Amino acid sequence: MSGLDGIPVRIEAPEFDGEDVLTGMADALLREIHAHLVNLHALGESHTIDLKGLPLTEADRRQLREALGRGEVSITVEAAGPTEAYETAYAGVWWIDYRNLLGSTALTHIEIARVPAIAPTHPEDIADALERLGDALNDREPQTPPD
């Protein structure tokens, strides 16, 4: 046992309000997005970045959202809560907010893709639509042109 064991240690940290502090994460993410956009263009490879799992402050998130801007295309999906996807000012880069039934953000993704994964119709939904339309056509009286 050394003589240092008896010395009390106190750790002090400055007050930190993470809400309005820029950490540099937005710049790092912009570089990552650029690299994935290169892969999308050259190889057709899509990629998703989960922002909820990253140590972003509100200031970082705001800076990233402002840097990416907003483009002309947006998609709203109502399934297990509203989801909004919009293409940023950079074609192929999508900002996607998944909300729960209470309207709180559940997930936020940046998706680098030609079309976000939430937009294409799932094969099961197409099969269901095919069956329902077929039933509707079978129940429909044939239309004849007026005489």
N, C-alpha and C. Protein backbone atom coordinates (compact mmCIF):
# COMPACT_ATOMS: atom_id res chain seq x y z
N MET A 1 0.85 -1.18 0.00
CA MET A 1 0.00 0.00 0.00
C MET A 1 0.89 1.23 0.00
N SER A 2 0.61 2.16 -0.91
CA SER A 2 1.43 3.37 -0.99
C SER A 2 0.82 4.46 -0.13
N GLY A 3 1.57 5.51 0.08
CA GLY A 3 1.09 6.64 0.86
C GLY A 3 0.05 7.45 0.12
N LEU A 4 -0.15 7.18 -1.17
CA LEU A 4 -1.13 7.93 -1.96
C LEU A 4 -2.56 7.51 -1.67
N ASP A 5 -2.74 6.31 -1.10
CA ASP A 5 -4.08 5.81 -0.84
C ASP A 5 -4.85 6.69 0.14
N GLY A 6 -4.17 7.36 1.01
CA GLY A 6 -4.83 8.18 2.01
C GLY A 6 -5.14 9.59 1.56
N ILE A 7 -4.73 9.96 0.38
CA ILE A 7 -4.98 11.31 -0.12
C ILE A 7 -6.37 11.37 -0.75
N PRO A 8 -7.25 12.23 -0.25
CA PRO A 8 -8.58 12.32 -0.86
C PRO A 8 -8.49 12.94 -2.26
N VAL A 9 -9.29 12.40 -3.15
CA VAL A 9 -9.33 12.89 -4.54
C VAL A 9 -10.72 13.43 -4.81
N ARG A 10 -10.77 14.60 -5.37
CA ARG A 10 -12.05 15.20 -5.76
C ARG A 10 -11.94 15.61 -7.22
N ILE A 11 -12.89 15.18 -8.03
CA ILE A 11 -12.88 15.50 -9.45
C ILE A 11 -13.88 16.61 -9.69
N GLU A 12 -13.40 17.66 -10.31
CA GLU A 12 -14.28 18.77 -10.64
C GLU A 12 -14.37 18.92 -12.15
N ALA A 13 -15.57 19.15 -12.61
CA ALA A 13 -15.78 19.36 -14.04
C ALA A 13 -16.53 20.67 -14.21
N PRO A 14 -16.22 21.39 -15.26
CA PRO A 14 -16.97 22.63 -15.48
C PRO A 14 -18.43 22.32 -15.76
N GLU A 15 -19.28 23.29 -15.48
CA GLU A 15 -20.69 23.12 -15.80
C GLU A 15 -20.82 22.92 -17.30
N PHE A 16 -21.60 21.94 -17.69
CA PHE A 16 -21.74 21.62 -19.11
C PHE A 16 -23.21 21.56 -19.46
N ASP A 17 -23.61 22.42 -20.34
CA ASP A 17 -24.97 22.39 -20.87
C ASP A 17 -24.85 21.95 -22.32
N GLY A 18 -25.05 20.65 -22.55
CA GLY A 18 -24.84 20.08 -23.87
C GLY A 18 -25.81 20.54 -24.93
N GLU A 19 -26.83 21.28 -24.55
CA GLU A 19 -27.83 21.69 -25.52
C GLU A 19 -27.29 22.67 -26.55
N ASP A 20 -26.42 23.57 -26.16
CA ASP A 20 -25.97 24.62 -27.08
C ASP A 20 -24.48 24.59 -27.35
N VAL A 21 -23.88 23.42 -27.23
CA VAL A 21 -22.45 23.30 -27.46
C VAL A 21 -22.22 22.52 -28.76
N LEU A 22 -21.43 23.10 -29.65
CA LEU A 22 -21.04 22.40 -30.88
C LEU A 22 -19.83 21.54 -30.57
N THR A 23 -19.89 20.28 -30.95
CA THR A 23 -18.80 19.35 -30.64
C THR A 23 -17.95 18.99 -31.86
N GLY A 24 -18.39 19.38 -33.05
CA GLY A 24 -17.69 18.98 -34.27
C GLY A 24 -18.29 17.74 -34.90
N MET A 25 -19.29 17.14 -34.24
CA MET A 25 -19.92 15.93 -34.78
C MET A 25 -20.62 16.20 -36.11
N ALA A 26 -21.21 17.38 -36.26
CA ALA A 26 -21.91 17.69 -37.51
C ALA A 26 -20.94 17.67 -38.68
N ASP A 27 -19.76 18.26 -38.49
CA ASP A 27 -18.76 18.26 -39.56
C ASP A 27 -18.30 16.84 -39.88
N ALA A 28 -18.10 16.04 -38.86
CA ALA A 28 -17.69 14.64 -39.08
C ALA A 28 -18.77 13.89 -39.85
N LEU A 29 -20.03 14.11 -39.48
CA LEU A 29 -21.13 13.44 -40.18
C LEU A 29 -21.26 13.90 -41.62
N LEU A 30 -21.04 15.17 -41.87
CA LEU A 30 -21.09 15.67 -43.25
C LEU A 30 -20.03 14.99 -44.11
N ARG A 31 -18.85 14.77 -43.55
CA ARG A 31 -17.80 14.06 -44.29
C ARG A 31 -18.19 12.60 -44.53
N GLU A 32 -18.80 11.98 -43.52
CA GLU A 32 -19.25 10.60 -43.68
C GLU A 32 -20.35 10.52 -44.74
N ILE A 33 -21.29 11.44 -44.70
CA ILE A 33 -22.36 11.48 -45.70
C ILE A 33 -21.78 11.64 -47.10
N HIS A 34 -20.79 12.49 -47.24
CA HIS A 34 -20.15 12.69 -48.54
C HIS A 34 -19.55 11.38 -49.05
N ALA A 35 -18.86 10.66 -48.17
CA ALA A 35 -18.25 9.38 -48.58
C ALA A 35 -19.32 8.38 -49.02
N HIS A 36 -20.45 8.33 -48.30
CA HIS A 36 -21.53 7.41 -48.69
C HIS A 36 -22.21 7.86 -49.97
N LEU A 37 -22.27 9.17 -50.20
CA LEU A 37 -22.85 9.69 -51.44
C LEU A 37 -21.97 9.31 -52.63
N VAL A 38 -20.66 9.32 -52.43
CA VAL A 38 -19.73 8.84 -53.46
C VAL A 38 -20.05 7.39 -53.80
N ASN A 39 -20.25 6.54 -52.77
CA ASN A 39 -20.57 5.13 -53.00
C ASN A 39 -21.92 4.95 -53.67
N LEU A 40 -22.88 5.78 -53.31
CA LEU A 40 -24.20 5.68 -53.96
C LEU A 40 -24.06 6.00 -55.45
N HIS A 41 -23.33 7.05 -55.75
CA HIS A 41 -23.18 7.46 -57.15
C HIS A 41 -22.37 6.43 -57.95
N ALA A 42 -21.27 5.98 -57.38
CA ALA A 42 -20.37 5.10 -58.13
C ALA A 42 -20.82 3.64 -58.14
N LEU A 43 -21.37 3.17 -57.02
CA LEU A 43 -21.66 1.74 -56.88
C LEU A 43 -23.13 1.41 -56.65
N GLY A 44 -23.95 2.45 -56.45
CA GLY A 44 -25.36 2.21 -56.17
C GLY A 44 -25.61 1.73 -54.75
N GLU A 45 -24.64 1.89 -53.85
CA GLU A 45 -24.77 1.40 -52.47
C GLU A 45 -25.46 2.43 -51.59
N SER A 46 -26.51 1.99 -50.90
CA SER A 46 -27.23 2.84 -49.95
C SER A 46 -26.62 2.66 -48.56
N HIS A 47 -26.86 3.64 -47.71
CA HIS A 47 -26.36 3.55 -46.33
C HIS A 47 -27.28 4.36 -45.42
N THR A 48 -27.44 3.91 -44.18
CA THR A 48 -28.25 4.61 -43.19
C THR A 48 -27.41 4.95 -41.98
N ILE A 49 -27.54 6.18 -41.51
CA ILE A 49 -26.86 6.64 -40.30
C ILE A 49 -27.95 6.90 -39.25
N ASP A 50 -27.87 6.22 -38.12
CA ASP A 50 -28.83 6.39 -37.04
C ASP A 50 -28.36 7.52 -36.14
N LEU A 51 -29.00 8.68 -36.22
CA LEU A 51 -28.58 9.83 -35.42
C LEU A 51 -28.91 9.66 -33.95
N LYS A 52 -29.95 8.90 -33.64
CA LYS A 52 -30.36 8.72 -32.25
C LYS A 52 -29.26 8.03 -31.45
N GLY A 53 -28.46 7.19 -32.09
CA GLY A 53 -27.41 6.46 -31.40
C GLY A 53 -26.08 7.20 -31.31
N LEU A 54 -26.02 8.42 -31.79
CA LEU A 54 -24.77 9.18 -31.79
C LEU A 54 -24.79 10.25 -30.71
N PRO A 55 -23.62 10.60 -30.18
CA PRO A 55 -23.55 11.62 -29.12
C PRO A 55 -23.65 13.04 -29.68
N LEU A 56 -24.82 13.37 -30.23
CA LEU A 56 -25.04 14.70 -30.79
C LEU A 56 -25.72 15.60 -29.77
N THR A 57 -25.24 16.81 -29.65
CA THR A 57 -25.96 17.79 -28.86
C THR A 57 -27.06 18.39 -29.73
N GLU A 58 -27.95 19.12 -29.12
CA GLU A 58 -28.99 19.79 -29.91
C GLU A 58 -28.37 20.78 -30.89
N ALA A 59 -27.29 21.43 -30.48
CA ALA A 59 -26.60 22.37 -31.37
C ALA A 59 -26.00 21.63 -32.56
N ASP A 60 -25.43 20.43 -32.33
CA ASP A 60 -24.88 19.62 -33.43
C ASP A 60 -25.99 19.25 -34.40
N ARG A 61 -27.10 18.79 -33.85
CA ARG A 61 -28.23 18.35 -34.69
C ARG A 61 -28.76 19.52 -35.52
N ARG A 62 -28.89 20.67 -34.89
CA ARG A 62 -29.35 21.87 -35.59
C ARG A 62 -28.37 22.25 -36.71
N GLN A 63 -27.07 22.21 -36.40
CA GLN A 63 -26.06 22.56 -37.40
C GLN A 63 -26.10 21.58 -38.57
N LEU A 64 -26.26 20.30 -38.29
CA LEU A 64 -26.33 19.30 -39.35
C LEU A 64 -27.56 19.51 -40.21
N ARG A 65 -28.70 19.72 -39.57
CA ARG A 65 -29.94 19.93 -40.32
C ARG A 65 -29.84 21.17 -41.20
N GLU A 66 -29.26 22.24 -40.68
CA GLU A 66 -29.10 23.48 -41.46
C GLU A 66 -28.11 23.29 -42.60
N ALA A 67 -27.03 22.56 -42.35
CA ALA A 67 -26.02 22.35 -43.39
C ALA A 67 -26.58 21.52 -44.55
N LEU A 68 -27.44 20.55 -44.23
CA LEU A 68 -28.02 19.70 -45.27
C LEU A 68 -29.17 20.39 -45.99
N GLY A 69 -29.85 21.29 -45.31
CA GLY A 69 -30.96 21.99 -45.95
C GLY A 69 -32.12 21.07 -46.26
N ARG A 70 -33.03 21.59 -47.04
CA ARG A 70 -34.23 20.83 -47.40
C ARG A 70 -34.47 20.96 -48.89
N GLY A 71 -34.69 19.82 -49.53
CA GLY A 71 -34.96 19.82 -50.97
C GLY A 71 -36.44 19.90 -51.26
N GLU A 72 -36.82 19.46 -52.44
CA GLU A 72 -38.20 19.61 -52.92
C GLU A 72 -39.08 18.40 -52.65
N VAL A 73 -38.49 17.25 -52.32
CA VAL A 73 -39.27 16.01 -52.20
C VAL A 73 -39.45 15.66 -50.73
N SER A 74 -40.70 15.38 -50.36
CA SER A 74 -40.96 14.90 -49.00
C SER A 74 -41.99 13.78 -49.06
N ILE A 75 -41.91 12.89 -48.08
CA ILE A 75 -42.79 11.73 -48.01
C ILE A 75 -43.30 11.64 -46.58
N THR A 76 -44.61 11.43 -46.41
CA THR A 76 -45.17 11.21 -45.09
C THR A 76 -45.82 9.84 -45.08
N VAL A 77 -45.49 9.06 -44.08
CA VAL A 77 -46.05 7.71 -43.94
C VAL A 77 -46.72 7.62 -42.58
N GLU A 78 -47.95 7.14 -42.56
CA GLU A 78 -48.69 6.97 -41.31
C GLU A 78 -48.74 5.48 -41.00
N ALA A 79 -47.80 5.00 -40.20
CA ALA A 79 -47.78 3.59 -39.80
C ALA A 79 -47.07 3.52 -38.45
N ALA A 80 -47.78 3.09 -37.43
CA ALA A 80 -47.22 3.03 -36.07
C ALA A 80 -46.68 4.39 -35.64
N GLY A 81 -47.34 5.43 -36.08
CA GLY A 81 -46.91 6.80 -35.81
C GLY A 81 -46.47 7.45 -37.10
N PRO A 82 -46.53 8.77 -37.17
CA PRO A 82 -46.17 9.46 -38.42
C PRO A 82 -44.66 9.46 -38.66
N THR A 83 -44.30 9.22 -39.89
CA THR A 83 -42.90 9.27 -40.30
C THR A 83 -42.79 10.27 -41.42
N GLU A 84 -41.82 11.18 -41.28
CA GLU A 84 -41.58 12.15 -42.35
C GLU A 84 -40.18 11.90 -42.89
N ALA A 85 -40.10 11.79 -44.20
CA ALA A 85 -38.81 11.67 -44.89
C ALA A 85 -38.76 12.80 -45.90
N TYR A 86 -37.67 13.52 -45.90
CA TYR A 86 -37.51 14.53 -46.94
C TYR A 86 -36.10 14.48 -47.47
N GLU A 87 -36.02 14.73 -48.77
CA GLU A 87 -34.70 14.80 -49.40
C GLU A 87 -34.10 16.14 -49.02
N THR A 88 -32.84 16.10 -48.62
CA THR A 88 -32.17 17.34 -48.26
C THR A 88 -31.84 18.12 -49.53
N ALA A 89 -31.13 19.20 -49.39
CA ALA A 89 -30.73 19.99 -50.55
C ALA A 89 -29.77 19.21 -51.43
N TYR A 90 -29.30 18.06 -50.94
CA TYR A 90 -28.38 17.22 -51.69
C TYR A 90 -29.12 15.95 -52.12
N ALA A 91 -29.36 15.85 -53.42
CA ALA A 91 -30.11 14.71 -53.95
C ALA A 91 -29.47 13.40 -53.48
N GLY A 92 -30.33 12.49 -53.02
CA GLY A 92 -29.86 11.20 -52.55
C GLY A 92 -29.58 11.16 -51.06
N VAL A 93 -29.66 12.31 -50.39
CA VAL A 93 -29.46 12.36 -48.94
C VAL A 93 -30.79 12.70 -48.30
N TRP A 94 -31.34 11.77 -47.53
CA TRP A 94 -32.67 11.89 -46.95
C TRP A 94 -32.60 12.03 -45.44
N TRP A 95 -33.41 12.94 -44.88
CA TRP A 95 -33.55 13.09 -43.42
C TRP A 95 -34.88 12.44 -43.07
N ILE A 96 -34.86 11.48 -42.15
CA ILE A 96 -36.07 10.72 -41.83
C ILE A 96 -36.32 10.76 -40.33
N ASP A 97 -37.49 11.26 -39.95
CA ASP A 97 -37.93 11.29 -38.55
C ASP A 97 -39.06 10.28 -38.37
N TYR A 98 -38.79 9.27 -37.56
CA TYR A 98 -39.80 8.27 -37.20
C TYR A 98 -40.39 8.70 -35.86
N ARG A 99 -41.70 8.87 -35.80
CA ARG A 99 -42.34 9.27 -34.54
C ARG A 99 -43.24 8.15 -34.03
N ASN A 100 -43.41 8.11 -32.72
CA ASN A 100 -44.30 7.11 -32.14
C ASN A 100 -45.73 7.63 -32.16
N LEU A 101 -46.65 6.85 -31.61
CA LEU A 101 -48.06 7.23 -31.64
C LEU A 101 -48.35 8.50 -30.85
N LEU A 102 -47.46 8.85 -29.92
CA LEU A 102 -47.64 10.07 -29.13
C LEU A 102 -47.03 11.28 -29.82
N GLY A 103 -46.35 11.06 -30.95
CA GLY A 103 -45.75 12.16 -31.70
C GLY A 103 -44.32 12.48 -31.33
N SER A 104 -43.76 11.74 -30.36
CA SER A 104 -42.36 11.96 -29.99
C SER A 104 -41.44 11.26 -30.98
N THR A 105 -40.26 11.84 -31.19
CA THR A 105 -39.31 11.24 -32.11
C THR A 105 -38.80 9.93 -31.53
N ALA A 106 -38.97 8.85 -32.28
CA ALA A 106 -38.48 7.54 -31.86
C ALA A 106 -37.09 7.30 -32.45
N LEU A 107 -36.91 7.65 -33.71
CA LEU A 107 -35.64 7.48 -34.41
C LEU A 107 -35.46 8.61 -35.40
N THR A 108 -34.23 8.97 -35.63
CA THR A 108 -33.91 9.90 -36.70
C THR A 108 -32.76 9.29 -37.49
N HIS A 109 -32.97 9.15 -38.77
CA HIS A 109 -31.96 8.58 -39.67
C HIS A 109 -31.60 9.58 -40.76
N ILE A 110 -30.39 9.48 -41.21
CA ILE A 110 -30.01 10.07 -42.48
C ILE A 110 -29.77 8.89 -43.39
N GLU A 111 -30.49 8.86 -44.48
CA GLU A 111 -30.36 7.75 -45.41
C GLU A 111 -29.79 8.28 -46.72
N ILE A 112 -28.73 7.64 -47.16
CA ILE A 112 -28.12 8.00 -48.43
C ILE A 112 -28.58 6.92 -49.41
N ALA A 113 -29.53 7.29 -50.26
CA ALA A 113 -30.16 6.30 -51.15
C ALA A 113 -30.89 7.03 -52.27
N ARG A 114 -31.15 6.30 -53.34
CA ARG A 114 -31.94 6.88 -54.42
C ARG A 114 -33.37 7.14 -53.94
N VAL A 115 -33.91 6.19 -53.19
CA VAL A 115 -35.24 6.28 -52.60
C VAL A 115 -35.11 5.75 -51.17
N PRO A 116 -35.68 6.43 -50.18
CA PRO A 116 -35.56 5.91 -48.82
C PRO A 116 -36.27 4.57 -48.65
N ALA A 117 -35.76 3.74 -47.78
CA ALA A 117 -36.28 2.38 -47.60
C ALA A 117 -37.74 2.37 -47.18
N ILE A 118 -38.22 3.46 -46.58
CA ILE A 118 -39.60 3.51 -46.13
C ILE A 118 -40.57 3.72 -47.30
N ALA A 119 -40.09 4.18 -48.45
CA ALA A 119 -40.98 4.55 -49.55
C ALA A 119 -41.42 3.40 -50.45
N PRO A 120 -40.55 2.48 -50.84
CA PRO A 120 -41.01 1.44 -51.77
C PRO A 120 -42.10 0.55 -51.14
N THR A 121 -43.01 0.12 -51.97
CA THR A 121 -44.09 -0.75 -51.51
C THR A 121 -43.54 -2.14 -51.23
N HIS A 122 -43.92 -2.69 -50.07
CA HIS A 122 -43.48 -4.03 -49.69
C HIS A 122 -44.23 -5.07 -50.51
N PRO A 123 -43.58 -6.18 -50.84
CA PRO A 123 -44.23 -7.23 -51.65
C PRO A 123 -45.53 -7.74 -51.02
N GLU A 124 -45.59 -7.84 -49.69
CA GLU A 124 -46.82 -8.32 -49.03
C GLU A 124 -47.97 -7.33 -49.26
N ASP A 125 -47.65 -6.04 -49.25
CA ASP A 125 -48.68 -5.04 -49.49
C ASP A 125 -49.17 -5.10 -50.93
N ILE A 126 -48.28 -5.38 -51.87
CA ILE A 126 -48.68 -5.52 -53.28
C ILE A 126 -49.59 -6.74 -53.44
N ALA A 127 -49.23 -7.84 -52.77
CA ALA A 127 -50.05 -9.05 -52.85
C ALA A 127 -51.44 -8.79 -52.29
N ASP A 128 -51.51 -8.08 -51.16
CA ASP A 128 -52.80 -7.73 -50.57
C ASP A 128 -53.60 -6.84 -51.51
N ALA A 129 -52.95 -5.84 -52.10
CA ALA A 129 -53.64 -4.93 -53.03
C ALA A 129 -54.16 -5.68 -54.24
N LEU A 130 -53.36 -6.60 -54.74
CA LEU A 130 -53.77 -7.40 -55.90
C LEU A 130 -55.04 -8.20 -55.59
N GLU A 131 -55.07 -8.80 -54.41
CA GLU A 131 -56.24 -9.58 -54.01
C GLU A 131 -57.46 -8.67 -53.82
N ARG A 132 -57.29 -7.55 -53.15
CA ARG A 132 -58.42 -6.64 -52.90
C ARG A 132 -58.96 -6.05 -54.20
N LEU A 133 -58.06 -5.65 -55.12
CA LEU A 133 -58.53 -5.10 -56.39
C LEU A 133 -59.22 -6.17 -57.22
N GLY A 134 -58.69 -7.38 -57.20
CA GLY A 134 -59.34 -8.49 -57.90
C GLY A 134 -60.74 -8.73 -57.38
N ASP A 135 -60.89 -8.72 -56.02
CA ASP A 135 -62.21 -8.90 -55.42
C ASP A 135 -63.14 -7.75 -55.82
N ALA A 136 -62.62 -6.53 -55.81
CA ALA A 136 -63.44 -5.37 -56.18
C ALA A 136 -63.90 -5.48 -57.63
N LEU A 137 -63.01 -5.95 -58.50
CA LEU A 137 -63.38 -6.10 -59.92
C LEU A 137 -64.42 -7.20 -60.10
N ASN A 138 -64.29 -8.27 -59.33
CA ASN A 138 -65.27 -9.36 -59.43
C ASN A 138 -66.65 -8.91 -58.96
N ASP A 139 -66.69 -8.00 -57.97
CA ASP A 139 -67.95 -7.52 -57.43
C ASP A 139 -68.56 -6.40 -58.27
N ARG A 140 -67.80 -5.87 -59.17
CA ARG A 140 -68.24 -4.71 -59.95
C ARG A 140 -69.06 -5.13 -61.15
N GLU A 141 -70.10 -4.42 -61.38
CA GLU A 141 -70.93 -4.67 -62.57
C GLU A 141 -70.18 -4.14 -63.79
N PRO A 142 -70.20 -4.88 -64.87
CA PRO A 142 -69.53 -4.38 -66.08
C PRO A 142 -70.17 -3.08 -66.55
N GLN A 143 -69.36 -2.19 -66.97
CA GLN A 143 -69.82 -0.89 -67.47
C GLN A 143 -69.94 -0.97 -69.00
N THR A 144 -71.04 -0.53 -69.49
CA THR A 144 -71.22 -0.50 -70.94
C THR A 144 -71.38 0.94 -71.39
N PRO A 145 -70.88 1.26 -72.56
CA PRO A 145 -71.03 2.62 -73.04
C PRO A 145 -72.50 2.93 -73.30
N PRO A 146 -72.87 4.20 -73.08
CA PRO A 146 -74.28 4.58 -73.34
C PRO A 146 -74.61 4.44 -74.83
N ASP A 147 -75.85 4.15 -75.09
CA ASP A 147 -76.29 4.00 -76.49
C ASP A 147 -76.41 5.32 -77.18
